[in-house]
Amino acid sequence: MSPGPRLRFVLLTEDTGKDADAVLRAVFRSVLRLLEPDLDSRAVSLDPPEEEAKAVRAVVRPDAWRGRGPGARDRFILLAKYIATKLRLADTFVVFHFHGDRAWGRSGTSSNTADFDRIVSNGVRHAFGAIGREGDLEACMSRLLRVVPFYSMEAWLYQNTTAAADICREGPCGGAHVAQYEAWAAERGALDEVEQIKDREDLQCLRTSTTPASRRASRMRRSTRRTSPSLRRSTSCWPRRY
């Protein structure tokens, strides 16, 4: 009988699509492979919030986690306490995904990261005061991992340019966009500069494909972390050995 996972990652995403959890799981697993190629995948659990934590999922939506709308304060307190409760466990990380909502070249004009630090990180620190903790506060907070692609998750998801090209060749467009995917393979940082990439009319082969988005994110090349500036910035703040 194999031992259970020794590391648990609770995945929170502001995306509301039906496959949002699966996409974040696939992308995060791929990023973990880049950072820790020797990490045994059997020792890692990647899970969305528990089924009974549906209220928490609702608070992770873009407007909700920023504290907007009626009843926002009470909902946010719920989210902060939930995150703190997870982080007080020494083997548990919380992964919080939100978009930069800007092309990387204009990342300095995005307030999303500052909003996260001001609202979520500070809220979790206050929540520890209410629920208590074991161990150092900063050690707990270091396990709150931000996943912030610019412009959006597709900038990382489409890094699997080989799969994207195959989908394009096999679909109705018959390979019409393969040259674009090959160009991104040669200059991976360029994906961070494309605004609203999922709405581009010339890339409909990926939007209409029946292949689940999570499968397109199978394995990023090791060069991706060096060449995608938003991926490099996100992971630079993460602990190095798990």
Protein backbone atom coordinates (compact mmCIF):
# COMPACT_ATOMS: atom_id res chain seq x y z
CA MET A 1 0.00 0.00 0.00
CA SER A 2 1.57 3.26 -1.11
CA PRO A 3 1.76 6.18 1.34
CA GLY A 4 -0.52 9.13 0.85
CA PRO A 5 0.66 12.47 -0.52
CA ARG A 6 3.09 14.33 1.70
CA LEU A 7 2.33 17.71 0.10
CA ARG A 8 -1.10 19.16 -0.49
CA PHE A 9 -1.86 22.09 -2.75
CA VAL A 10 -5.33 23.64 -2.46
CA LEU A 11 -6.15 25.26 -5.81
CA LEU A 12 -8.20 28.46 -5.95
CA THR A 13 -8.95 30.13 -9.27
CA GLU A 14 -10.91 33.24 -10.14
CA ASP A 15 -11.94 31.60 -13.44
CA THR A 16 -15.52 30.41 -13.51
CA GLY A 17 -15.50 28.10 -16.56
CA LYS A 18 -16.59 24.51 -16.14
CA ASP A 19 -13.04 23.24 -16.66
CA ALA A 20 -11.32 25.98 -14.63
CA ASP A 21 -10.23 23.62 -11.83
CA ALA A 22 -8.87 21.06 -14.30
CA VAL A 23 -6.96 23.73 -16.22
CA LEU A 24 -5.32 25.17 -13.11
CA ARG A 25 -4.44 21.67 -11.91
CA ALA A 26 -2.81 20.78 -15.24
CA VAL A 27 -0.92 24.06 -15.55
CA PHE A 28 0.27 24.04 -11.94
CA ARG A 29 1.41 20.41 -12.19
CA SER A 30 3.36 21.32 -15.32
CA VAL A 31 4.99 24.28 -13.58
CA LEU A 32 5.92 22.07 -10.62
CA ARG A 33 7.70 19.75 -13.04
CA LEU A 34 9.70 22.70 -14.34
CA LEU A 35 10.73 23.80 -10.85
CA GLU A 36 11.19 20.39 -9.24
CA PRO A 37 11.82 17.76 -11.94
CA ASP A 38 12.71 15.15 -9.31
CA LEU A 39 9.53 15.64 -7.28
CA ASP A 40 7.52 12.42 -7.08
CA SER A 41 4.06 13.21 -8.43
CA ARG A 42 2.60 10.51 -6.16
CA ALA A 43 3.69 12.57 -3.17
CA VAL A 44 1.66 15.58 -4.31
CA SER A 45 -2.06 16.26 -4.03
CA LEU A 46 -3.57 19.03 -6.19
CA ASP A 47 -7.18 19.69 -5.27
CA PRO A 48 -9.82 22.41 -5.49
CA PRO A 49 -11.70 23.35 -2.31
CA GLU A 50 -13.75 20.59 -0.74
CA GLU A 51 -17.30 20.14 -1.95
CA GLU A 52 -18.61 21.55 1.33
CA ALA A 53 -16.59 24.73 0.72
CA LYS A 54 -18.78 25.97 -2.15
CA ALA A 55 -19.10 29.36 -0.47
CA VAL A 56 -15.33 29.73 -0.67
CA ARG A 57 -15.37 29.12 -4.43
CA ALA A 58 -17.85 31.94 -4.86
CA VAL A 59 -15.60 34.41 -3.01
CA VAL A 60 -12.66 33.68 -5.30
CA ARG A 61 -14.49 35.23 -8.26
CA PRO A 62 -12.82 38.44 -9.52
CA ASP A 63 -15.16 41.02 -7.98
CA ALA A 64 -15.73 39.02 -4.79
CA TRP A 65 -12.11 38.56 -3.66
CA ARG A 66 -11.55 42.26 -4.23
CA GLY A 67 -14.31 42.97 -1.71
CA ARG A 68 -16.93 44.38 -4.08
CA GLY A 69 -20.66 43.97 -3.91
CA PRO A 70 -23.19 43.57 -1.07
CA GLY A 71 -22.10 41.36 1.79
CA ALA A 72 -18.52 41.44 0.51
CA ARG A 73 -16.93 41.83 3.93
CA ASP A 74 -18.55 38.73 5.43
CA ARG A 75 -17.71 36.65 2.36
CA PHE A 76 -14.12 37.81 2.38
CA ILE A 77 -13.69 36.97 6.07
CA LEU A 78 -14.86 33.45 5.17
CA LEU A 79 -12.22 33.22 2.43
CA ALA A 80 -9.41 34.58 4.61
CA LYS A 81 -10.20 32.14 7.42
CA TYR A 82 -10.39 29.24 4.97
CA ILE A 83 -6.95 30.05 3.54
CA ALA A 84 -5.44 30.55 7.00
CA THR A 85 -6.89 27.24 8.19
CA LYS A 86 -5.12 25.47 5.33
CA LEU A 87 -1.84 27.33 5.72
CA ARG A 88 -1.56 26.45 9.40
CA LEU A 89 -0.97 22.85 8.25
CA ALA A 90 2.75 22.41 7.67
CA ASP A 91 2.32 20.18 4.60
CA THR A 92 -0.29 22.35 2.84
CA PHE A 93 0.02 25.16 0.31
CA VAL A 94 -2.73 27.38 -1.09
CA VAL A 95 -2.42 28.28 -4.78
CA PHE A 96 -4.39 31.40 -5.72
CA HIS A 97 -4.78 32.10 -9.44
CA PHE A 98 -5.83 35.47 -10.82
CA HIS A 99 -5.10 37.21 -14.11
CA GLY A 100 -2.81 40.15 -14.72
CA ASP A 101 -5.43 41.52 -17.18
CA ARG A 102 -2.72 43.37 -19.11
CA ALA A 103 -0.17 42.54 -21.75
CA TRP A 104 3.17 42.06 -20.00
CA GLY A 105 4.55 45.26 -21.47
CA ARG A 106 1.87 47.14 -19.52
CA SER A 107 2.05 44.98 -16.39
CA GLY A 108 3.01 48.04 -14.35
CA THR A 109 -0.48 49.45 -14.93
CA SER A 110 -2.23 46.39 -13.45
CA SER A 111 -3.36 46.78 -9.85
CA ASN A 112 -4.32 43.12 -9.45
CA THR A 113 -1.14 41.98 -7.69
CA ALA A 114 -1.16 44.99 -5.36
CA ASP A 115 -4.86 44.38 -4.68
CA PHE A 116 -4.09 40.76 -3.80
CA ASP A 117 -1.36 41.74 -1.36
CA ARG A 118 -3.46 44.48 0.19
CA ILE A 119 -6.71 42.56 0.42
CA VAL A 120 -6.05 38.80 0.45
CA SER A 121 -2.58 38.53 2.01
CA ASN A 122 -3.37 41.08 4.72
CA GLY A 123 -6.76 39.48 5.30
CA VAL A 124 -5.14 36.07 5.84
CA ARG A 125 -2.66 37.57 8.29
CA HIS A 126 -5.55 39.02 10.30
CA ALA A 127 -7.37 35.69 10.13
CA PHE A 128 -4.44 33.97 11.82
CA GLY A 129 -5.02 36.30 14.74
CA ALA A 130 -8.56 34.94 15.04
CA ILE A 131 -7.92 31.21 14.57
CA GLY A 132 -4.38 30.98 15.93
CA ARG A 133 -1.48 29.17 14.36
CA GLU A 134 1.44 26.91 15.08
CA GLY A 135 4.84 28.08 13.90
CA ASP A 136 6.13 31.26 12.34
CA LEU A 137 3.65 33.56 10.59
CA GLU A 138 5.98 34.23 7.66
CA ALA A 139 6.57 30.51 7.18
CA CYS A 140 2.81 30.03 6.93
CA MET A 141 2.39 32.96 4.55
CA SER A 142 5.19 31.67 2.31
CA ARG A 143 2.92 28.76 1.41
CA LEU A 144 0.35 31.12 -0.15
CA LEU A 145 1.42 30.90 -3.80
CA ARG A 146 0.26 33.43 -6.38
CA VAL A 147 -0.30 32.27 -9.95
CA VAL A 148 -0.54 35.43 -12.06
CA PRO A 149 -0.27 34.97 -15.83
CA PHE A 150 -0.33 38.04 -18.09
CA TYR A 151 -2.68 38.66 -19.87
CA SER A 152 -4.51 35.53 -18.76
CA MET A 153 -4.08 31.80 -18.16
CA GLU A 154 -3.95 31.15 -21.91
CA ALA A 155 -0.49 32.76 -21.98
CA TRP A 156 0.74 29.71 -20.05
CA LEU A 157 -1.78 27.18 -21.35
CA TYR A 158 -0.83 27.80 -24.99
CA GLN A 159 2.86 27.23 -24.18
CA ASN A 160 2.19 23.66 -25.27
CA THR A 161 2.59 24.83 -28.84
CA THR A 162 3.08 21.30 -30.17
CA ALA A 163 -0.38 20.25 -28.95
CA ALA A 164 -1.89 23.53 -30.22
CA ALA A 165 -0.44 22.94 -33.70
CA ASP A 166 -1.75 19.35 -33.73
CA ILE A 167 -5.24 20.55 -32.76
CA CYS A 168 -5.11 23.12 -35.53
CA ARG A 169 -4.02 20.58 -38.16
CA GLU A 170 -6.68 18.07 -37.12
CA GLY A 171 -9.52 20.62 -36.94
CA PRO A 172 -11.61 22.45 -39.54
CA CYS A 173 -8.91 25.08 -40.09
CA GLY A 174 -6.55 22.42 -41.42
CA GLY A 175 -3.38 23.91 -40.01
CA ALA A 176 -4.06 27.53 -40.93
CA HIS A 177 -2.60 28.80 -37.66
CA VAL A 178 0.35 26.44 -37.25
CA ALA A 179 2.76 29.20 -38.29
CA GLN A 180 1.53 31.31 -35.36
CA TYR A 181 2.11 28.50 -32.86
CA GLU A 182 5.56 27.85 -34.31
CA ALA A 183 6.37 31.55 -33.94
CA TRP A 184 5.33 31.40 -30.26
CA ALA A 185 7.47 28.29 -29.81
CA ALA A 186 10.46 30.29 -31.06
CA GLU A 187 9.62 33.34 -28.89
CA ARG A 188 7.67 32.09 -25.90
CA GLY A 189 7.64 35.41 -24.08
CA ALA A 190 5.50 36.82 -26.89
CA LEU A 191 2.45 35.02 -25.49
CA ASP A 192 2.56 37.34 -22.45
CA GLU A 193 2.10 40.29 -24.79
CA VAL A 194 -1.16 39.10 -26.39
CA GLU A 195 -4.25 40.70 -24.86
CA GLN A 196 -7.46 38.68 -24.60
CA ILE A 197 -5.85 35.81 -26.46
CA LYS A 198 -8.79 33.45 -25.95
CA ASP A 199 -11.06 35.82 -27.89
CA ARG A 200 -8.84 36.09 -30.96
CA GLU A 201 -10.83 35.22 -34.06
CA ASP A 202 -7.76 33.76 -35.80
CA LEU A 203 -7.28 31.12 -33.08
CA GLN A 204 -10.73 29.59 -33.08
CA CYS A 205 -9.28 26.12 -33.50
CA LEU A 206 -8.33 26.09 -29.81
CA ARG A 207 -11.60 27.57 -28.61
CA THR A 208 -13.76 25.12 -30.56
CA SER A 209 -11.59 22.04 -30.05
CA THR A 210 -13.20 19.13 -28.22
CA THR A 211 -9.82 18.42 -26.57
CA PRO A 212 -10.12 19.52 -22.93
CA ALA A 213 -8.03 22.58 -22.25
CA SER A 214 -6.32 20.81 -19.36
CA ARG A 215 -4.80 18.24 -21.74
CA ARG A 216 -3.16 20.98 -23.79
CA ALA A 217 -1.08 22.00 -20.79
CA SER A 218 0.59 18.62 -20.36
CA ARG A 219 4.28 19.46 -20.28
CA MET A 220 5.87 22.86 -20.75
CA ARG A 221 9.41 23.07 -22.05
CA ARG A 222 12.01 23.95 -19.42
CA SER A 223 12.82 27.08 -21.43
CA THR A 224 9.30 28.38 -20.75
CA ARG A 225 10.13 29.58 -17.25
CA ARG A 226 13.13 31.54 -18.54
CA THR A 227 11.28 33.10 -21.45
CA SER A 228 7.79 33.78 -20.05
CA PRO A 229 8.20 36.87 -17.85
CA SER A 230 4.92 36.44 -15.98
CA LEU A 231 5.72 32.81 -15.18
CA ARG A 232 9.19 33.80 -14.04
CA ARG A 233 7.82 36.54 -11.78
CA SER A 234 5.17 34.29 -10.22
CA THR A 235 7.51 31.42 -9.45
CA SER A 236 10.35 33.63 -8.20
CA CYS A 237 8.38 34.16 -4.98
CA TRP A 238 7.73 30.47 -4.34
CA PRO A 239 9.74 28.25 -1.97
CA ARG A 240 12.43 26.34 -3.78
CA ARG A 241 12.44 22.85 -2.34
CA TYR A 242 9.20 21.10 -1.51
